[in-house]
């Protein structure tokens, strides 16, 4: 007996195969609806189960291995092709946060060139199964610097992002770093990324040292404004409106060597007395 689909011109040899057709192509029947059709032969049911698995596999249109760093690959599964490369980048930033903060480009292994990397510009070039590599401006800049000695010209937003990351990292080790420590951080930055030198000479890190120092100070001020006790305790010093207060750079209250959490933010609605009671 031949079974015909009411929604298209397809035909099937068994009722079970017709149900499979509806489920895959028209999504008209769920598992619950299928259970009411008791006239299905037992030999038809496995056909449905198998093809439903095939449907799930077919729905995964893009299975990608994404290298977010040189030695770090993550799996990305997309049920449909994104509308643009920018949308794909936004999806990756959301799935892989915070690994993909900041600006980057995507390169794919092009089978037309024996797997050599090509810049992904047209979303239609996105492979259904393949490898993508995240390339950041400084990485591409290092390659150009090695080949031609040309330094990378950063956009304002890119420079701000680098300084923000540096400030957060430095603060996690020491809220009030010395000049020498800022110089060490700046040197480490341009050693890892020579293309970021601000000048071609040996003092290429001096500009970064000043900018990092300003950014760390700004980062502390922002934390103080939201009530982080470790830095808020040092606010309200000498200014035009308070000329008799302590000098901003004298008698700074900060942790001693190897000391952590010397001034902590208490949990909401708690006081030292209530915490002592809880400990007892």
C-alpha atoms as a PDB file:
ATOM      1  CA  UNK A   1       0.000   0.000   0.000  1.00  0.00           C
ATOM      2  CA  UNK A   2       1.303   3.490  -0.823  1.00  0.00           C
ATOM      3  CA  UNK A   3       0.923   6.360   1.648  1.00  0.00           C
ATOM      4  CA  UNK A   4       0.837   9.933   0.364  1.00  0.00           C
ATOM      5  CA  UNK A   5       1.816  13.110   2.181  1.00  0.00           C
ATOM      6  CA  UNK A   6      -0.996  15.695   2.359  1.00  0.00           C
ATOM      7  CA  UNK A   7       1.460  18.604   2.524  1.00  0.00           C
ATOM      8  CA  UNK A   8       3.655  17.744  -0.444  1.00  0.00           C
ATOM      9  CA  UNK A   9       3.924  15.186  -3.235  1.00  0.00           C
ATOM     10  CA  UNK A  10       6.053  12.665  -1.286  1.00  0.00           C
ATOM     11  CA  UNK A  11       4.975   9.024  -0.933  1.00  0.00           C
ATOM     12  CA  UNK A  12       5.937   6.243   1.511  1.00  0.00           C
ATOM     13  CA  UNK A  13       5.656   2.448   1.527  1.00  0.00           C
ATOM     14  CA  UNK A  14       4.550   2.250   5.184  1.00  0.00           C
ATOM     15  CA  UNK A  15       2.647   4.458   7.573  1.00  0.00           C
ATOM     16  CA  UNK A  16       5.676   4.635   9.858  1.00  0.00           C
ATOM     17  CA  UNK A  17       7.814   5.999   7.059  1.00  0.00           C
ATOM     18  CA  UNK A  18       5.123   8.613   6.358  1.00  0.00           C
ATOM     19  CA  UNK A  19       5.188   9.674  10.010  1.00  0.00           C
ATOM     20  CA  UNK A  20       8.952   9.977   9.782  1.00  0.00           C
ATOM     21  CA  UNK A  21       8.502  12.166   6.698  1.00  0.00           C
ATOM     22  CA  UNK A  22       6.121  14.479   8.572  1.00  0.00           C
ATOM     23  CA  UNK A  23       8.429  14.688  11.579  1.00  0.00           C
ATOM     24  CA  UNK A  24      11.567  15.503   9.605  1.00  0.00           C
ATOM     25  CA  UNK A  25      10.183  17.760   6.896  1.00  0.00           C
ATOM     26  CA  UNK A  26       6.969  19.210   8.292  1.00  0.00           C
ATOM     27  CA  UNK A  27       7.324  18.730  12.084  1.00  0.00           C
ATOM     28  CA  UNK A  28       3.615  17.950  12.318  1.00  0.00           C
ATOM     29  CA  UNK A  29       3.846  15.045  14.784  1.00  0.00           C
ATOM     30  CA  UNK A  30       5.462  14.899  18.218  1.00  0.00           C
ATOM     31  CA  UNK A  31       6.296  11.750  20.165  1.00  0.00           C
ATOM     32  CA  UNK A  32       3.047  12.139  22.147  1.00  0.00           C
ATOM     33  CA  UNK A  33       0.931  12.443  19.010  1.00  0.00           C
ATOM     34  CA  UNK A  34       2.680   9.436  17.549  1.00  0.00           C
ATOM     35  CA  UNK A  35       1.708   7.303  20.552  1.00  0.00           C
ATOM     36  CA  UNK A  36      -1.995   7.683  19.717  1.00  0.00           C
ATOM     37  CA  UNK A  37      -1.532   5.971  16.363  1.00  0.00           C
ATOM     38  CA  UNK A  38      -1.735   2.412  17.674  1.00  0.00           C
ATOM     39  CA  UNK A  39      -2.092   0.965  14.187  1.00  0.00           C
ATOM     40  CA  UNK A  40       1.672   1.340  13.620  1.00  0.00           C
ATOM     41  CA  UNK A  41       3.447  -1.951  13.113  1.00  0.00           C
ATOM     42  CA  UNK A  42       6.392  -2.655  15.446  1.00  0.00           C
ATOM     43  CA  UNK A  43       8.665  -2.908  12.412  1.00  0.00           C
ATOM     44  CA  UNK A  44       7.829   0.714  11.532  1.00  0.00           C
ATOM     45  CA  UNK A  45       8.731   2.228  14.911  1.00  0.00           C
ATOM     46  CA  UNK A  46      12.510   1.651  14.687  1.00  0.00           C
ATOM     47  CA  UNK A  47      12.419   3.407  11.326  1.00  0.00           C
ATOM     48  CA  UNK A  48      10.986   6.475  13.079  1.00  0.00           C
ATOM     49  CA  UNK A  49      13.477   6.363  15.951  1.00  0.00           C
ATOM     50  CA  UNK A  50      16.435   5.996  13.638  1.00  0.00           C
ATOM     51  CA  UNK A  51      15.387   8.777  11.352  1.00  0.00           C
ATOM     52  CA  UNK A  52      14.582  11.064  14.291  1.00  0.00           C
ATOM     53  CA  UNK A  53      18.209  10.687  15.380  1.00  0.00           C
ATOM     54  CA  UNK A  54      19.188  11.428  11.831  1.00  0.00           C
ATOM     55  CA  UNK A  55      17.025  14.534  11.988  1.00  0.00           C
ATOM     56  CA  UNK A  56      18.818  15.729  15.128  1.00  0.00           C
ATOM     57  CA  UNK A  57      22.167  15.145  13.427  1.00  0.00           C
ATOM     58  CA  UNK A  58      20.988  16.882  10.279  1.00  0.00           C
ATOM     59  CA  UNK A  59      19.793  19.881  12.323  1.00  0.00           C
ATOM     60  CA  UNK A  60      23.351  20.489  13.515  1.00  0.00           C
ATOM     61  CA  UNK A  61      24.335  22.270  10.341  1.00  0.00           C
ATOM     62  CA  UNK A  62      27.706  23.517  11.591  1.00  0.00           C
ATOM     63  CA  UNK A  63      30.080  21.690  13.919  1.00  0.00           C
ATOM     64  CA  UNK A  64      33.241  23.743  14.321  1.00  0.00           C
ATOM     65  CA  UNK A  65      36.514  23.471  16.185  1.00  0.00           C
ATOM     66  CA  UNK A  66      37.490  26.999  17.208  1.00  0.00           C
ATOM     67  CA  UNK A  67      41.054  27.817  18.249  1.00  0.00           C
ATOM     68  CA  UNK A  68      40.638  30.727  20.660  1.00  0.00           C
ATOM     69  CA  UNK A  69      44.379  30.573  21.366  1.00  0.00           C
ATOM     70  CA  UNK A  70      47.346  28.796  19.812  1.00  0.00           C
ATOM     71  CA  UNK A  71      46.929  25.657  21.938  1.00  0.00           C
ATOM     72  CA  UNK A  72      43.288  26.014  23.043  1.00  0.00           C
ATOM     73  CA  UNK A  73      40.450  24.669  20.882  1.00  0.00           C
ATOM     74  CA  UNK A  74      36.750  24.746  21.788  1.00  0.00           C
ATOM     75  CA  UNK A  75      33.795  23.058  20.088  1.00  0.00           C
ATOM     76  CA  UNK A  76      31.008  25.190  18.644  1.00  0.00           C
ATOM     77  CA  UNK A  77      27.748  23.696  17.337  1.00  0.00           C
ATOM     78  CA  UNK A  78      25.334  25.878  15.366  1.00  0.00           C
ATOM     79  CA  UNK A  79      21.835  24.727  14.404  1.00  0.00           C
ATOM     80  CA  UNK A  80      21.723  27.207  11.548  1.00  0.00           C
ATOM     81  CA  UNK A  81      24.062  29.414   9.612  1.00  0.00           C
ATOM     82  CA  UNK A  82      24.428  32.914  11.143  1.00  0.00           C
ATOM     83  CA  UNK A  83      23.301  35.808   8.976  1.00  0.00           C
ATOM     84  CA  UNK A  84      26.706  37.477   8.966  1.00  0.00           C
ATOM     85  CA  UNK A  85      30.286  37.100  10.173  1.00  0.00           C
ATOM     86  CA  UNK A  86      29.602  39.738  12.835  1.00  0.00           C
ATOM     87  CA  UNK A  87      26.674  37.692  14.165  1.00  0.00           C
ATOM     88  CA  UNK A  88      28.907  34.617  14.279  1.00  0.00           C
ATOM     89  CA  UNK A  89      31.504  36.559  16.285  1.00  0.00           C
ATOM     90  CA  UNK A  90      28.812  37.716  18.720  1.00  0.00           C
ATOM     91  CA  UNK A  91      27.642  34.109  19.188  1.00  0.00           C
ATOM     92  CA  UNK A  92      31.209  32.987  19.863  1.00  0.00           C
ATOM     93  CA  UNK A  93      31.791  35.804  22.354  1.00  0.00           C
ATOM     94  CA  UNK A  94      28.634  34.787  24.213  1.00  0.00           C
ATOM     95  CA  UNK A  95      29.441  31.043  24.215  1.00  0.00           C
ATOM     96  CA  UNK A  96      33.138  31.393  25.045  1.00  0.00           C
ATOM     97  CA  UNK A  97      33.076  34.388  27.419  1.00  0.00           C
ATOM     98  CA  UNK A  98      35.372  35.765  28.740  1.00  0.00           C
ATOM     99  CA  UNK A  99      37.936  34.174  26.397  1.00  0.00           C
ATOM    100  CA  UNK A 100      36.940  36.277  23.391  1.00  0.00           C
ATOM    101  CA  UNK A 101      36.632  39.776  24.807  1.00  0.00           C
ATOM    102  CA  UNK A 102      37.934  42.508  22.530  1.00  0.00           C
ATOM    103  CA  UNK A 103      38.442  42.739  18.789  1.00  0.00           C
ATOM    104  CA  UNK A 104      39.380  39.739  16.611  1.00  0.00           C
ATOM    105  CA  UNK A 105      38.995  38.288  13.129  1.00  0.00           C
ATOM    106  CA  UNK A 106      38.136  34.737  12.043  1.00  0.00           C
ATOM    107  CA  UNK A 107      40.138  32.552   9.652  1.00  0.00           C
ATOM    108  CA  UNK A 108      38.986  29.212   8.248  1.00  0.00           C
ATOM    109  CA  UNK A 109      40.820  26.321   6.602  1.00  0.00           C
ATOM    110  CA  UNK A 110      39.916  26.632   2.920  1.00  0.00           C
ATOM    111  CA  UNK A 111      39.737  23.236   1.134  1.00  0.00           C
ATOM    112  CA  UNK A 112      40.317  25.022  -2.200  1.00  0.00           C
ATOM    113  CA  UNK A 113      43.846  25.835  -0.994  1.00  0.00           C
ATOM    114  CA  UNK A 114      44.700  22.533   0.715  1.00  0.00           C
ATOM    115  CA  UNK A 115      43.555  23.746   4.116  1.00  0.00           C
ATOM    116  CA  UNK A 116      45.506  27.010   4.184  1.00  0.00           C
ATOM    117  CA  UNK A 117      43.938  29.725   6.301  1.00  0.00           C
ATOM    118  CA  UNK A 118      41.743  32.374   4.672  1.00  0.00           C
ATOM    119  CA  UNK A 119      40.038  35.352   6.283  1.00  0.00           C
ATOM    120  CA  UNK A 120      36.320  34.707   6.766  1.00  0.00           C
ATOM    121  CA  UNK A 121      34.585  37.670   5.102  1.00  0.00           C
ATOM    122  CA  UNK A 122      31.530  36.032   3.525  1.00  0.00           C
ATOM    123  CA  UNK A 123      29.406  33.960   5.932  1.00  0.00           C
ATOM    124  CA  UNK A 124      28.530  31.631   3.031  1.00  0.00           C
ATOM    125  CA  UNK A 125      32.126  30.383   3.165  1.00  0.00           C
ATOM    126  CA  UNK A 126      31.567  29.024   6.692  1.00  0.00           C
ATOM    127  CA  UNK A 127      32.157  25.240   6.513  1.00  0.00           C
ATOM    128  CA  UNK A 128      29.567  22.828   7.900  1.00  0.00           C
ATOM    129  CA  UNK A 129      32.366  20.983   9.668  1.00  0.00           C
ATOM    130  CA  UNK A 130      35.828  22.431  10.010  1.00  0.00           C
ATOM    131  CA  UNK A 131      38.291  24.530  11.945  1.00  0.00           C
ATOM    132  CA  UNK A 132      38.220  28.244  12.699  1.00  0.00           C
ATOM    133  CA  UNK A 133      41.074  30.256  14.169  1.00  0.00           C
ATOM    134  CA  UNK A 134      40.648  33.437  16.164  1.00  0.00           C
ATOM    135  CA  UNK A 135      43.261  36.016  15.187  1.00  0.00           C
ATOM    136  CA  UNK A 136      43.631  39.146  17.294  1.00  0.00           C
ATOM    137  CA  UNK A 137      45.078  42.407  15.961  1.00  0.00           C
ATOM    138  CA  UNK A 138      48.233  42.108  18.065  1.00  0.00           C
ATOM    139  CA  UNK A 139      48.890  38.576  16.761  1.00  0.00           C
ATOM    140  CA  UNK A 140      48.573  39.723  13.170  1.00  0.00           C
ATOM    141  CA  UNK A 141      50.645  42.779  14.099  1.00  0.00           C
ATOM    142  CA  UNK A 142      53.444  40.575  15.464  1.00  0.00           C
ATOM    143  CA  UNK A 143      53.575  38.678  12.180  1.00  0.00           C
ATOM    144  CA  UNK A 144      53.820  41.900  10.183  1.00  0.00           C
ATOM    145  CA  UNK A 145      56.421  43.264  12.622  1.00  0.00           C
ATOM    146  CA  UNK A 146      58.588  40.171  12.207  1.00  0.00           C
ATOM    147  CA  UNK A 147      58.403  40.437   8.407  1.00  0.00           C
ATOM    148  CA  UNK A 148      58.802  44.190   7.916  1.00  0.00           C
ATOM    149  CA  UNK A 149      59.491  45.823  11.297  1.00  0.00           C
ATOM    150  CA  UNK A 150      56.262  47.833  10.960  1.00  0.00           C
ATOM    151  CA  UNK A 151      54.590  48.620  14.287  1.00  0.00           C
ATOM    152  CA  UNK A 152      50.869  48.135  14.822  1.00  0.00           C
ATOM    153  CA  UNK A 153      48.702  51.243  14.899  1.00  0.00           C
ATOM    154  CA  UNK A 154      45.958  50.571  17.427  1.00  0.00           C
ATOM    155  CA  UNK A 155      42.466  51.976  17.372  1.00  0.00           C
ATOM    156  CA  UNK A 156      41.474  53.923  20.452  1.00  0.00           C
ATOM    157  CA  UNK A 157      39.063  51.175  21.539  1.00  0.00           C
ATOM    158  CA  UNK A 158      41.754  48.490  21.105  1.00  0.00           C
ATOM    159  CA  UNK A 159      44.272  50.433  23.176  1.00  0.00           C
ATOM    160  CA  UNK A 160      41.659  51.041  25.870  1.00  0.00           C
ATOM    161  CA  UNK A 161      40.844  47.319  25.993  1.00  0.00           C
ATOM    162  CA  UNK A 162      44.517  46.379  26.417  1.00  0.00           C
ATOM    163  CA  UNK A 163      44.977  48.925  29.215  1.00  0.00           C
ATOM    164  CA  UNK A 164      41.817  47.728  30.941  1.00  0.00           C
ATOM    165  CA  UNK A 165      43.057  44.116  30.941  1.00  0.00           C
ATOM    166  CA  UNK A 166      46.481  45.203  32.196  1.00  0.00           C
ATOM    167  CA  UNK A 167      44.953  47.270  35.018  1.00  0.00           C
ATOM    168  CA  UNK A 168      42.707  44.415  36.146  1.00  0.00           C
ATOM    169  CA  UNK A 169      45.592  41.962  36.169  1.00  0.00           C
ATOM    170  CA  UNK A 170      47.968  44.306  38.016  1.00  0.00           C
ATOM    171  CA  UNK A 171      45.308  45.171  40.615  1.00  0.00           C
ATOM    172  CA  UNK A 172      44.706  41.464  41.304  1.00  0.00           C
ATOM    173  CA  UNK A 173      48.355  41.254  42.438  1.00  0.00           C
ATOM    174  CA  UNK A 174      48.857  44.702  43.944  1.00  0.00           C
ATOM    175  CA  UNK A 175      46.429  47.641  44.184  1.00  0.00           C
ATOM    176  CA  UNK A 176      49.236  50.193  44.572  1.00  0.00           C
ATOM    177  CA  UNK A 177      52.140  49.146  42.309  1.00  0.00           C
ATOM    178  CA  UNK A 178      55.473  51.011  42.333  1.00  0.00           C
ATOM    179  CA  UNK A 179      57.012  52.706  39.292  1.00  0.00           C
ATOM    180  CA  UNK A 180      59.447  49.825  38.792  1.00  0.00           C
ATOM    181  CA  UNK A 181      56.588  47.311  38.834  1.00  0.00           C
ATOM    182  CA  UNK A 182      54.672  49.311  36.224  1.00  0.00           C
ATOM    183  CA  UNK A 183      57.830  49.359  34.090  1.00  0.00           C
ATOM    184  CA  UNK A 184      58.124  45.556  34.421  1.00  0.00           C
ATOM    185  CA  UNK A 185      54.496  45.152  33.308  1.00  0.00           C
ATOM    186  CA  UNK A 186      55.024  47.452  30.307  1.00  0.00           C
ATOM    187  CA  UNK A 187      58.171  45.604  29.288  1.00  0.00           C
ATOM    188  CA  UNK A 188      56.394  42.255  29.545  1.00  0.00           C
ATOM    189  CA  UNK A 189      53.647  43.581  27.248  1.00  0.00           C
ATOM    190  CA  UNK A 190      55.949  44.661  24.426  1.00  0.00           C
ATOM    191  CA  UNK A 191      58.149  41.587  24.857  1.00  0.00           C
ATOM    192  CA  UNK A 192      55.115  39.392  24.185  1.00  0.00           C
ATOM    193  CA  UNK A 193      53.886  41.732  21.430  1.00  0.00           C
ATOM    194  CA  UNK A 194      56.790  43.677  19.876  1.00  0.00           C
ATOM    195  CA  UNK A 195      54.425  45.317  17.392  1.00  0.00           C
ATOM    196  CA  UNK A 196      52.924  47.334  20.275  1.00  0.00           C
ATOM    197  CA  UNK A 197      56.054  49.399  20.867  1.00  0.00           C
ATOM    198  CA  UNK A 198      55.163  53.079  20.901  1.00  0.00           C
ATOM    199  CA  UNK A 199      58.639  54.010  19.627  1.00  0.00           C
ATOM    200  CA  UNK A 200      61.281  52.078  17.717  1.00  0.00           C
ATOM    201  CA  UNK A 201      64.005  52.596  20.340  1.00  0.00           C
ATOM    202  CA  UNK A 202      64.888  50.652  23.455  1.00  0.00           C
ATOM    203  CA  UNK A 203      62.512  52.824  25.513  1.00  0.00           C
ATOM    204  CA  UNK A 204      59.479  51.570  23.589  1.00  0.00           C
ATOM    205  CA  UNK A 205      57.787  50.581  26.842  1.00  0.00           C
ATOM    206  CA  UNK A 206      57.945  54.013  28.520  1.00  0.00           C
ATOM    207  CA  UNK A 207      54.725  55.229  26.906  1.00  0.00           C
ATOM    208  CA  UNK A 208      52.922  52.083  27.991  1.00  0.00           C
ATOM    209  CA  UNK A 209      54.263  52.497  31.525  1.00  0.00           C
ATOM    210  CA  UNK A 210      52.657  55.939  31.836  1.00  0.00           C
ATOM    211  CA  UNK A 211      49.362  54.815  30.312  1.00  0.00           C
ATOM    212  CA  UNK A 212      49.206  51.711  32.516  1.00  0.00           C
ATOM    213  CA  UNK A 213      49.857  53.840  35.601  1.00  0.00           C
ATOM    214  CA  UNK A 214      46.979  56.170  34.706  1.00  0.00           C
ATOM    215  CA  UNK A 215      44.674  53.222  33.984  1.00  0.00           C
ATOM    216  CA  UNK A 216      45.455  51.475  37.292  1.00  0.00           C
ATOM    217  CA  UNK A 217      44.733  54.730  39.171  1.00  0.00           C
ATOM    218  CA  UNK A 218      41.449  55.125  37.258  1.00  0.00           C
ATOM    219  CA  UNK A 219      40.565  51.500  37.999  1.00  0.00           C
ATOM    220  CA  UNK A 220      41.140  52.075  41.743  1.00  0.00           C
ATOM    221  CA  UNK A 221      38.980  55.207  41.681  1.00  0.00           C
ATOM    222  CA  UNK A 222      36.133  53.323  40.010  1.00  0.00           C
ATOM    223  CA  UNK A 223      36.331  50.577  42.637  1.00  0.00           C
ATOM    224  CA  UNK A 224      36.374  53.158  45.421  1.00  0.00           C
ATOM    225  CA  UNK A 225      33.222  54.794  44.026  1.00  0.00           C
ATOM    226  CA  UNK A 226      31.327  51.500  44.257  1.00  0.00           C
ATOM    227  CA  UNK A 227      32.499  50.959  47.837  1.00  0.00           C
ATOM    228  CA  UNK A 228      35.448  48.554  47.662  1.00  0.00           C
ATOM    229  CA  UNK A 229      36.890  49.115  51.155  1.00  0.00           C
ATOM    230  CA  UNK A 230      40.489  48.286  50.263  1.00  0.00           C
ATOM    231  CA  UNK A 231      40.782  51.410  48.096  1.00  0.00           C
ATOM    232  CA  UNK A 232      37.862  53.503  49.370  1.00  0.00           C
ATOM    233  CA  UNK A 233      39.725  54.022  52.654  1.00  0.00           C
ATOM    234  CA  UNK A 234      42.307  56.125  50.792  1.00  0.00           C
ATOM    235  CA  UNK A 235      39.833  58.506  49.132  1.00  0.00           C
ATOM    236  CA  UNK A 236      38.907  62.006  50.330  1.00  0.00           C
ATOM    237  CA  UNK A 237      42.492  63.210  50.633  1.00  0.00           C
ATOM    238  CA  UNK A 238      43.941  66.675  50.037  1.00  0.00           C
ATOM    239  CA  UNK A 239      42.217  68.640  47.309  1.00  0.00           C
ATOM    240  CA  UNK A 240      41.193  72.204  46.502  1.00  0.00           C
ATOM    241  CA  UNK A 241      38.142  71.795  48.742  1.00  0.00           C
ATOM    242  CA  UNK A 242      40.059  69.961  51.506  1.00  0.00           C
ATOM    243  CA  UNK A 243      43.506  71.611  51.672  1.00  0.00           C
ATOM    244  CA  UNK A 244      44.272  70.333  55.197  1.00  0.00           C
ATOM    245  CA  UNK A 245      43.803  66.629  54.470  1.00  0.00           C
ATOM    246  CA  UNK A 246      46.642  64.140  53.910  1.00  0.00           C
ATOM    247  CA  UNK A 247      48.643  64.331  50.698  1.00  0.00           C
ATOM    248  CA  UNK A 248      47.242  61.811  48.140  1.00  0.00           C
ATOM    249  CA  UNK A 249      50.583  59.938  47.981  1.00  0.00           C
ATOM    250  CA  UNK A 250      51.441  59.855  51.689  1.00  0.00           C
ATOM    251  CA  UNK A 251      50.395  57.421  54.419  1.00  0.00           C
ATOM    252  CA  UNK A 252      48.520  55.192  51.988  1.00  0.00           C
ATOM    253  CA  UNK A 253      46.768  52.395  53.850  1.00  0.00           C
ATOM    254  CA  UNK A 254      47.535  49.154  52.028  1.00  0.00           C
ATOM    255  CA  UNK A 255      48.291  45.508  52.690  1.00  0.00           C
ATOM    256  CA  UNK A 256      51.639  44.517  54.119  1.00  0.00           C
ATOM    257  CA  UNK A 257      53.815  42.011  52.308  1.00  0.00           C
ATOM    258  CA  UNK A 258      52.092  38.603  52.010  1.00  0.00           C
ATOM    259  CA  UNK A 259      48.905  40.033  53.576  1.00  0.00           C
ATOM    260  CA  UNK A 260      45.544  39.648  51.870  1.00  0.00           C
ATOM    261  CA  UNK A 261      42.065  40.937  52.686  1.00  0.00           C
ATOM    262  CA  UNK A 262      43.324  43.299  55.360  1.00  0.00           C
ATOM    263  CA  UNK A 263      40.190  45.416  54.812  1.00  0.00           C
ATOM    264  CA  UNK A 264      37.292  43.385  53.500  1.00  0.00           C
ATOM    265  CA  UNK A 265      33.807  44.244  52.335  1.00  0.00           C
ATOM    266  CA  UNK A 266      31.317  42.639  54.700  1.00  0.00           C
ATOM    267  CA  UNK A 267      28.382  40.677  53.296  1.00  0.00           C
ATOM    268  CA  UNK A 268      25.179  42.632  52.781  1.00  0.00           C
ATOM    269  CA  UNK A 269      23.280  43.441  56.023  1.00  0.00           C
ATOM    270  CA  UNK A 270      26.147  42.088  58.153  1.00  0.00           C
ATOM    271  CA  UNK A 271      28.383  43.766  60.723  1.00  0.00           C
ATOM    272  CA  UNK A 272      31.535  42.555  62.519  1.00  0.00           C
ATOM    273  CA  UNK A 273      29.352  41.815  65.560  1.00  0.00           C
ATOM    274  CA  UNK A 274      26.871  39.649  63.628  1.00  0.00           C
ATOM    275  CA  UNK A 275      29.699  37.753  61.949  1.00  0.00           C
ATOM    276  CA  UNK A 276      31.309  37.074  65.346  1.00  0.00           C
ATOM    277  CA  UNK A 277      27.966  35.738  66.560  1.00  0.00           C
ATOM    278  CA  UNK A 278      27.735  33.413  63.570  1.00  0.00           C
ATOM    279  CA  UNK A 279      31.276  32.149  64.201  1.00  0.00           C
ATOM    280  CA  UNK A 280      30.488  31.410  67.850  1.00  0.00           C
END
